[in-house]
Amino acid sequence: IGVLVLDVHSSDCPSSWLSLVFLTGVQDVDLSVFSQSMAQCCKNIKDTVQMLASRHKDIHGSVSKVGKAIDRNFDAEVSAVVAETVWDSPERQKYLSETIVEHLYRQGMLSVAEDLCQESGVVIDTSLKQPFLELNRILEALRMQDLRPALEWAVANRQRLLDLNSSLEFKLHRLYFISLLNGGMSNQLEALQYARHFQPFASQHQRDIQILMGSLVYLRHGIENSPYRSLLEPNQWAEICTIFTRDACALLGLSVESPLSVSFASGCMALPVLMNIKQVIEQRQCSGVWTHKDELPIEIDLGKKCWYHSVFACPILRQQTSESNPPMKLICGHVISRDALNKLTNAGKLKCPYCPMEQNPSDAKQIFF
C-alpha cells in the first residue's frame, strides 16, 4: 500500500514550494509521526494562504471598489436633463452636421469629413475647405520642425498679421535663426546672413534681436554651454504651433478651438451638476421648479476658458438680462435691468437703489455689450 504525503516548506518568499513523497511500507512508519507531519502540513498551508491573502488585501479592496465608483460617477440615464426636441428640425440637424464636418477639417481628418458630407447630404463650399487644408499642412510641417511653409504663409499675409498686431512672423524667423545656431560653427555665416530678416522688426523687438546676435559670440563653445542656453528650450516648437493656430484662425474669422470641442467639454462639466440638481428636485418633490429645459436652474461655472460673451445680471431682480429685458444705465452710472427700472418707478420719478439721486426714468439709456 502506498501513501501520498504532502510536505509544505514555506518562507517569507511567496513562491513556496511543495514536495511530494511517496512512501512504501506504511507498516514500518510510526502512525504518530505520520499524524504530526499531516498536522504540520495543514498548518503550513493555512499560514501560506493567510500570508497571500494579507498581501493582496489592498489590491482586492481597490478592485472591489471599481464597480461602485463606476455606478457613482457614470449615469446611463441622462434624458431627464436633455431637451428631447432640440435636434428635431432639419435646420438644426444641418447645423450639427456642419459643425462636425468643420471639426473634422480642423483635425485634418479630410476623408472622414468627405464621407460624412456624402452620407448627411451636407454641402461644404470648396472655398471654406481650402483654408483648413493649408492650415493642417503647415501645422504638420511645424510638428516636424520644418519652418519654411509657415514662413511662406506669414510673408504672404504680412500686412494682415500686422493689422492684428501679431508677432508670428518675427517668432518664426527667430526660431529659424535659433535652429541655425544649434548647428554650431558650420552655420555661422548662414546665421549672420539670415539676421537681415530681423530688420523690419527692429523697432518692436529690439531686445530680442540683441539677445540673438549676442549669442553668436558663444557659438564656438556651443550655445548650450553659454548664458544663452534658454534659446534652445524645446517647448518653443509647441508654442509656435499654438501662436500660428491662433493667428491663422483669427485671419480666417474662426475661433482658435473647435466649437464642437468647446461644446463637448462644457457639457462634460455641466452634466454632473445638472444630474445632481435634478436628483435634489425629485427628492424634495418640487418638480415644477425646473420646467424650461432651455434654461438652467442654477449657475454653472465653466471657468474663464469658456467665457466668450459679456453677461449682465440685474443686481435688483437677480435675473440675467435679455433682449426683451436689456440692461439700462442710470444718470448716476449704476446699471439695472429694464424690468427693475419699471418696478422702481413711482409717480414718474426713479430713485436709484444704490445712491439717493432722483431722476427721470426716461433718461436711462440702454447698454449694449
Protein backbone atom coordinates (compact mmCIF):
# COMPACT_ATOMS: atom_id res chain seq x y z
CA ILE A 1 0.00 0.00 0.00
CA GLY A 2 1.35 3.45 -0.92
CA VAL A 3 0.59 6.65 1.00
CA LEU A 4 0.96 10.12 -0.51
CA VAL A 5 2.39 12.65 1.99
CA LEU A 6 2.16 16.40 1.22
CA ASP A 7 5.00 18.33 2.81
CA VAL A 8 4.90 22.13 2.55
CA HIS A 9 8.00 24.26 3.10
CA SER A 10 7.11 27.96 3.26
CA SER A 11 9.20 31.05 3.81
CA ASP A 12 8.70 34.79 3.51
CA CYS A 13 9.05 34.43 -0.23
CA PRO A 14 5.58 33.97 -1.80
CA SER A 15 6.95 31.31 -4.15
CA SER A 16 6.56 28.45 -1.67
CA TRP A 17 7.32 25.02 -3.00
CA LEU A 18 5.67 21.72 -2.46
CA SER A 19 7.34 18.35 -2.36
CA LEU A 20 5.60 15.05 -2.76
CA VAL A 21 6.93 11.99 -1.05
CA PHE A 22 5.68 8.55 -1.88
CA LEU A 23 6.15 6.18 0.99
CA THR A 24 6.00 2.44 0.77
CA GLY A 25 5.68 0.02 3.57
CA VAL A 26 3.32 2.02 5.83
CA GLN A 27 3.54 -0.79 8.31
CA ASP A 28 7.12 0.37 9.06
CA VAL A 29 6.11 4.02 9.73
CA ASP A 30 5.05 5.19 13.13
CA LEU A 31 1.47 6.45 12.82
CA SER A 32 2.08 9.18 15.39
CA VAL A 33 4.90 10.63 13.31
CA PHE A 34 2.67 10.49 10.27
CA SER A 35 -0.13 12.31 12.12
CA GLN A 36 2.23 15.06 13.28
CA SER A 37 3.51 15.51 9.71
CA MET A 38 -0.02 15.89 8.40
CA ALA A 39 -0.90 18.41 11.13
CA GLN A 40 2.22 20.44 10.40
CA CYS A 41 1.40 20.26 6.71
CA CYS A 42 -2.09 21.70 7.27
CA LYS A 43 -0.70 24.45 9.47
CA ASN A 44 1.85 25.44 6.85
CA ILE A 45 -0.83 25.57 4.17
CA LYS A 46 -3.07 27.71 6.35
CA ASP A 47 -0.24 30.11 7.17
CA THR A 48 0.68 30.43 3.49
CA VAL A 49 -2.89 31.19 2.45
CA GLN A 50 -3.24 33.83 5.17
CA MET A 51 0.01 35.43 4.13
CA LEU A 52 -1.03 35.65 0.46
CA ALA A 53 -4.48 36.99 1.39
CA SER A 54 -3.00 39.75 3.56
CA ARG A 55 -0.51 40.77 0.88
CA HIS A 56 -3.25 41.13 -1.72
CA LYS A 57 -5.79 42.73 0.57
CA ASP A 58 -5.19 46.24 -0.75
CA ILE A 59 -5.43 45.11 -4.35
CA HIS A 60 -8.68 43.21 -3.75
CA GLY A 61 -10.10 46.22 -1.90
CA SER A 62 -9.35 48.57 -4.77
CA VAL A 63 -10.74 46.18 -7.38
CA SER A 64 -13.96 45.72 -5.43
CA LYS A 65 -14.46 49.49 -5.37
CA VAL A 66 -14.22 49.88 -9.15
CA GLY A 67 -17.80 48.81 -9.78
CA LYS A 68 -19.16 51.15 -7.12
CA ALA A 69 -17.08 54.01 -8.49
CA ILE A 70 -18.45 53.43 -12.00
CA ASP A 71 -22.04 53.36 -10.71
CA ARG A 72 -21.45 56.50 -8.69
CA ASN A 73 -19.76 58.58 -11.40
CA PHE A 74 -21.46 57.38 -14.56
CA ASP A 75 -25.18 57.67 -15.09
CA ALA A 76 -26.51 55.96 -18.18
CA GLU A 77 -29.85 57.79 -18.00
CA VAL A 78 -29.40 61.47 -18.87
CA SER A 79 -32.69 62.11 -20.66
CA ALA A 80 -34.03 63.91 -17.57
CA VAL A 81 -31.75 66.89 -18.26
CA VAL A 82 -31.84 66.79 -22.07
CA ALA A 83 -34.26 68.62 -24.32
CA GLU A 84 -35.68 65.80 -26.46
CA THR A 85 -36.73 68.01 -29.39
CA VAL A 86 -33.52 70.01 -29.71
CA TRP A 87 -32.43 68.23 -32.91
CA ASP A 88 -35.84 67.53 -34.42
CA SER A 89 -35.84 70.26 -37.06
CA PRO A 90 -33.89 69.60 -40.32
CA GLU A 91 -32.24 73.01 -39.99
CA ARG A 92 -30.70 72.17 -36.62
CA GLN A 93 -29.58 68.76 -37.87
CA LYS A 94 -27.87 70.56 -40.75
CA TYR A 95 -26.09 72.91 -38.30
CA LEU A 96 -24.94 69.92 -36.24
CA SER A 97 -23.58 68.11 -39.29
CA GLU A 98 -21.76 71.23 -40.48
CA THR A 99 -20.21 71.68 -37.03
CA ILE A 100 -18.96 68.09 -37.02
CA VAL A 101 -17.57 68.42 -40.55
CA GLU A 102 -15.75 71.63 -39.61
CA HIS A 103 -14.26 69.88 -36.57
CA LEU A 104 -13.03 67.02 -38.76
CA TYR A 105 -11.45 69.50 -41.17
CA ARG A 106 -9.70 71.21 -38.25
CA GLN A 107 -8.28 67.87 -37.11
CA GLY A 108 -7.03 67.03 -40.61
CA MET A 109 -9.45 64.07 -40.97
CA LEU A 110 -10.37 65.03 -44.51
CA SER A 111 -11.54 61.63 -45.79
CA VAL A 112 -13.84 61.15 -42.79
CA ALA A 113 -15.30 64.63 -43.34
CA GLU A 114 -15.96 63.86 -47.01
CA ASP A 115 -17.75 60.61 -46.11
CA LEU A 116 -19.91 62.44 -43.58
CA CYS A 117 -20.83 65.08 -46.18
CA GLN A 118 -21.95 62.38 -48.60
CA GLU A 119 -24.00 60.46 -46.04
CA SER A 120 -25.60 63.50 -44.40
CA GLY A 121 -26.13 65.49 -47.58
CA VAL A 122 -24.19 68.47 -46.26
CA VAL A 123 -22.62 70.62 -48.96
CA ILE A 124 -19.42 72.42 -47.95
CA ASP A 125 -18.09 75.11 -50.27
CA THR A 126 -14.57 74.42 -51.53
CA SER A 127 -13.52 77.94 -50.55
CA LEU A 128 -14.34 77.07 -46.92
CA LYS A 129 -12.48 73.79 -47.07
CA GLN A 130 -9.25 75.02 -48.64
CA PRO A 131 -8.05 77.13 -45.64
CA PHE A 132 -8.30 74.09 -43.36
CA LEU A 133 -6.24 72.04 -45.79
CA GLU A 134 -3.50 74.68 -45.83
CA LEU A 135 -3.62 75.13 -42.06
CA ASN A 136 -3.20 71.41 -41.41
CA ARG A 137 -0.38 71.17 -43.95
CA ILE A 138 1.57 73.96 -42.23
CA LEU A 139 0.89 72.60 -38.72
CA GLU A 140 2.10 69.17 -39.76
CA ALA A 141 5.31 70.74 -41.09
CA LEU A 142 5.81 72.66 -37.82
CA ARG A 143 5.42 69.45 -35.84
CA MET A 144 8.22 68.04 -37.99
CA GLN A 145 10.23 71.22 -37.15
CA ASP A 146 10.01 72.47 -40.73
CA LEU A 147 9.50 76.25 -40.65
CA ARG A 148 9.54 77.03 -44.37
CA PRO A 149 5.79 76.53 -45.13
CA ALA A 150 4.84 78.67 -42.12
CA LEU A 151 7.33 81.39 -43.09
CA GLU A 152 5.98 81.49 -46.65
CA TRP A 153 2.43 81.81 -45.31
CA ALA A 154 3.43 84.56 -42.84
CA VAL A 155 5.21 86.59 -45.52
CA ALA A 156 2.21 86.29 -47.84
CA ASN A 157 -0.12 87.52 -45.07
CA ARG A 158 2.30 90.03 -43.52
CA GLN A 159 0.05 93.08 -43.69
CA ARG A 160 -2.98 91.28 -42.29
CA LEU A 161 -0.87 89.94 -39.43
CA LEU A 162 0.44 93.42 -38.69
CA ASP A 163 -3.15 94.68 -38.56
CA LEU A 164 -3.77 92.09 -35.86
CA ASN A 165 -0.63 93.24 -34.02
CA SER A 166 0.72 89.71 -34.41
CA SER A 167 4.36 88.79 -33.82
CA LEU A 168 4.08 85.45 -35.62
CA GLU A 169 6.45 86.27 -38.48
CA PHE A 170 9.17 87.52 -36.13
CA LYS A 171 8.86 84.44 -33.91
CA LEU A 172 9.16 82.19 -36.95
CA HIS A 173 12.33 84.00 -38.10
CA ARG A 174 13.66 83.88 -34.54
CA LEU A 175 13.09 80.13 -34.29
CA TYR A 176 14.74 79.55 -37.67
CA PHE A 177 17.74 81.61 -36.53
CA ILE A 178 17.96 79.52 -33.35
CA SER A 179 17.90 76.32 -35.40
CA LEU A 180 20.91 77.66 -37.31
CA LEU A 181 22.69 78.43 -34.03
CA ASN A 182 22.05 74.89 -32.91
CA GLY A 183 24.11 73.70 -35.86
CA GLY A 184 27.32 75.20 -34.46
CA MET A 185 30.17 76.96 -36.25
CA SER A 186 29.29 75.40 -39.59
CA ASN A 187 26.17 77.60 -39.76
CA GLN A 188 27.82 80.82 -38.55
CA LEU A 189 27.93 82.55 -41.92
CA GLU A 190 24.40 81.49 -42.82
CA ALA A 191 23.13 82.74 -39.44
CA LEU A 192 24.75 86.14 -39.99
CA GLN A 193 23.19 86.43 -43.43
CA TYR A 194 19.78 85.31 -42.14
CA ALA A 195 19.89 88.01 -39.45
CA ARG A 196 18.93 90.51 -42.16
CA HIS A 197 15.36 89.21 -41.86
CA PHE A 198 15.15 90.90 -38.45
CA GLN A 199 15.46 94.41 -39.90
CA PRO A 200 11.67 95.06 -40.34
CA PHE A 201 11.11 94.09 -36.69
CA ALA A 202 13.96 96.10 -35.13
CA SER A 203 11.73 98.77 -33.60
CA GLN A 204 9.32 96.37 -31.91
CA HIS A 205 11.65 93.51 -30.95
CA GLN A 206 14.96 95.26 -30.39
CA ARG A 207 15.75 93.48 -27.12
CA ASP A 208 15.05 90.02 -28.56
CA ILE A 209 17.23 90.74 -31.58
CA GLN A 210 20.10 91.91 -29.36
CA ILE A 211 19.94 88.63 -27.42
CA LEU A 212 20.02 86.61 -30.63
CA MET A 213 23.01 88.49 -32.01
CA GLY A 214 24.84 88.31 -28.67
CA SER A 215 24.56 84.51 -28.73
CA LEU A 216 26.85 84.41 -31.78
CA VAL A 217 29.80 85.21 -29.51
CA TYR A 218 29.41 81.82 -27.81
CA LEU A 219 28.82 79.85 -30.99
CA ARG A 220 32.33 78.35 -30.94
CA HIS A 221 31.84 76.90 -27.44
CA GLY A 222 28.24 75.85 -28.02
CA ILE A 223 25.06 77.76 -27.14
CA GLU A 224 24.10 75.03 -24.67
CA ASN A 225 27.19 75.93 -22.59
CA SER A 226 26.58 79.69 -22.63
CA PRO A 227 24.32 82.17 -20.80
CA TYR A 228 22.03 81.93 -23.83
CA ARG A 229 21.14 78.27 -23.29
CA SER A 230 17.49 79.25 -22.75
CA LEU A 231 17.26 79.86 -26.51
CA LEU A 232 17.36 76.10 -27.04
CA GLU A 233 14.34 75.23 -24.90
CA PRO A 234 12.29 72.54 -26.71
CA ASN A 235 8.89 73.96 -25.73
CA GLN A 236 9.33 76.71 -28.34
CA TRP A 237 8.02 74.39 -31.06
CA ALA A 238 4.77 73.74 -29.23
CA GLU A 239 4.47 77.47 -28.57
CA ILE A 240 4.92 78.39 -32.24
CA CYS A 241 2.22 75.86 -33.22
CA THR A 242 -0.17 77.50 -30.76
CA ILE A 243 0.62 81.01 -32.00
CA PHE A 244 0.24 80.01 -35.63
CA THR A 245 -3.12 78.31 -34.97
CA ARG A 246 -4.39 81.36 -33.07
CA ASP A 247 -3.36 83.91 -35.69
CA ALA A 248 -4.38 81.79 -38.67
CA CYS A 249 -7.83 81.25 -37.20
CA ALA A 250 -8.10 84.97 -36.50
CA LEU A 251 -7.37 85.75 -40.16
CA LEU A 252 -9.98 83.18 -41.24
CA GLY A 253 -12.55 84.59 -38.83
CA LEU A 254 -12.64 81.35 -36.83
CA SER A 255 -12.30 80.55 -33.16
CA VAL A 256 -9.00 79.07 -32.04
CA GLU A 257 -10.68 75.96 -30.67
CA SER A 258 -13.26 73.89 -32.46
CA PRO A 259 -16.84 74.82 -31.43
CA LEU A 260 -17.62 71.12 -31.15
CA SER A 261 -14.72 70.56 -28.74
CA VAL A 262 -15.75 73.53 -26.61
CA SER A 263 -19.39 72.39 -26.51
CA PHE A 264 -18.42 68.84 -25.62
CA ALA A 265 -16.05 69.95 -22.84
CA SER A 266 -18.69 72.34 -21.44
CA GLY A 267 -21.29 69.58 -21.48
CA CYS A 268 -18.97 67.22 -19.59
CA MET A 269 -18.53 69.85 -16.86
CA ALA A 270 -22.20 70.81 -16.68
CA LEU A 271 -23.83 67.36 -16.87
CA PRO A 272 -22.86 66.14 -13.34
CA VAL A 273 -24.16 69.38 -11.82
CA LEU A 274 -27.44 69.12 -13.71
CA MET A 275 -27.87 65.48 -12.72
CA ASN A 276 -27.34 66.38 -9.06
CA ILE A 277 -29.82 69.26 -9.09
CA LYS A 278 -32.37 67.09 -10.87
CA GLN A 279 -32.00 64.43 -8.18
CA VAL A 280 -32.46 67.04 -5.43
CA ILE A 281 -35.59 68.36 -7.13
CA GLU A 282 -37.07 64.88 -7.34
CA GLN A 283 -36.22 64.06 -3.72
CA ARG A 284 -37.87 67.23 -2.44
CA GLN A 285 -40.88 66.71 -4.73
CA CYS A 286 -40.69 70.13 -6.30
CA SER A 287 -40.61 69.10 -9.94
CA GLY A 288 -42.26 72.33 -11.06
CA VAL A 289 -39.14 74.35 -10.29
CA TRP A 290 -37.37 73.36 -13.50
CA THR A 291 -39.87 73.23 -16.32
CA HIS A 292 -37.99 75.03 -19.10
CA LYS A 293 -35.13 72.86 -20.30
CA ASP A 294 -33.76 75.67 -22.44
CA GLU A 295 -32.82 77.46 -19.22
CA LEU A 296 -30.51 76.34 -16.43
CA PRO A 297 -31.95 76.16 -12.91
CA ILE A 298 -28.62 77.20 -11.37
CA GLU A 299 -25.45 78.92 -12.46
CA ILE A 300 -22.72 76.54 -13.63
CA ASP A 301 -19.16 77.82 -13.55
CA LEU A 302 -17.32 76.59 -16.64
CA GLY A 303 -14.16 78.58 -15.94
CA LYS A 304 -12.72 81.60 -17.71
CA LYS A 305 -11.69 79.43 -20.65
CA CYS A 306 -15.33 79.24 -21.71
CA TRP A 307 -16.08 82.96 -21.36
CA TYR A 308 -16.97 84.30 -24.80
CA HIS A 309 -19.74 86.87 -24.28
CA SER A 310 -20.40 89.53 -21.67
CA VAL A 311 -23.36 88.68 -19.46
CA PHE A 312 -25.12 91.07 -17.10
CA ALA A 313 -27.37 90.01 -14.24
CA CYS A 314 -29.60 92.64 -12.67
CA PRO A 315 -28.47 93.26 -9.08
CA ILE A 316 -32.06 94.13 -8.08
CA LEU A 317 -34.10 91.26 -9.57
CA ARG A 318 -31.21 88.78 -9.68
CA GLN A 319 -32.10 87.91 -13.26
CA GLN A 320 -29.96 87.74 -16.36
CA THR A 321 -30.80 90.45 -18.86
CA SER A 322 -32.09 89.60 -22.32
CA GLU A 323 -33.22 91.34 -25.50
CA SER A 324 -36.67 91.90 -24.02
CA ASN A 325 -35.19 92.98 -20.68
CA PRO A 326 -31.93 94.78 -21.52
CA PRO A 327 -29.55 96.50 -19.07
CA MET A 328 -30.20 100.20 -18.53
CA LYS A 329 -27.67 102.79 -17.29
CA LEU A 330 -28.97 105.44 -14.95
CA ILE A 331 -27.71 109.03 -14.85
CA CYS A 332 -25.71 108.27 -11.72
CA GLY A 333 -23.85 105.48 -13.56
CA HIS A 334 -25.47 102.47 -11.90
CA VAL A 335 -26.90 99.76 -14.14
CA ILE A 336 -30.12 97.79 -13.61
CA SER A 337 -32.47 95.87 -15.87
CA ARG A 338 -35.45 97.46 -17.60
CA ASP A 339 -37.90 95.39 -15.55
CA ALA A 340 -36.29 96.66 -12.35
CA LEU A 341 -36.42 100.20 -13.73
CA ASN A 342 -40.17 99.91 -14.32
CA LYS A 343 -40.82 98.43 -10.87
CA LEU A 344 -38.81 101.13 -9.08
CA THR A 345 -40.56 103.97 -10.92
CA ASN A 346 -43.02 105.78 -8.70
CA ALA A 347 -45.10 108.75 -9.82
CA GLY A 348 -42.87 109.34 -12.81
CA LYS A 349 -39.74 109.51 -10.68
CA LEU A 350 -36.98 107.00 -10.02
CA LYS A 351 -34.69 106.87 -7.02
CA CYS A 352 -31.53 104.90 -7.60
CA PRO A 353 -31.40 101.86 -5.28
CA TYR A 354 -27.67 102.41 -4.71
CA CYS A 355 -27.48 106.17 -4.24
CA PRO A 356 -30.05 108.81 -3.25
CA MET A 357 -30.13 110.50 -6.67
CA GLU A 358 -33.61 111.04 -8.07
CA GLN A 359 -34.01 111.06 -11.82
CA ASN A 360 -36.42 110.71 -14.65
CA PRO A 361 -36.79 107.07 -15.86
CA SER A 362 -36.77 108.25 -19.47
CA ASP A 363 -33.18 109.47 -19.00
CA ALA A 364 -31.91 105.92 -18.60
CA LYS A 365 -30.02 104.60 -21.59
CA GLN A 366 -29.82 101.04 -22.85
CA ILE A 367 -26.40 99.39 -22.73
CA PHE A 368 -25.14 97.07 -25.45
CA PHE A 369 -22.34 94.66 -24.52
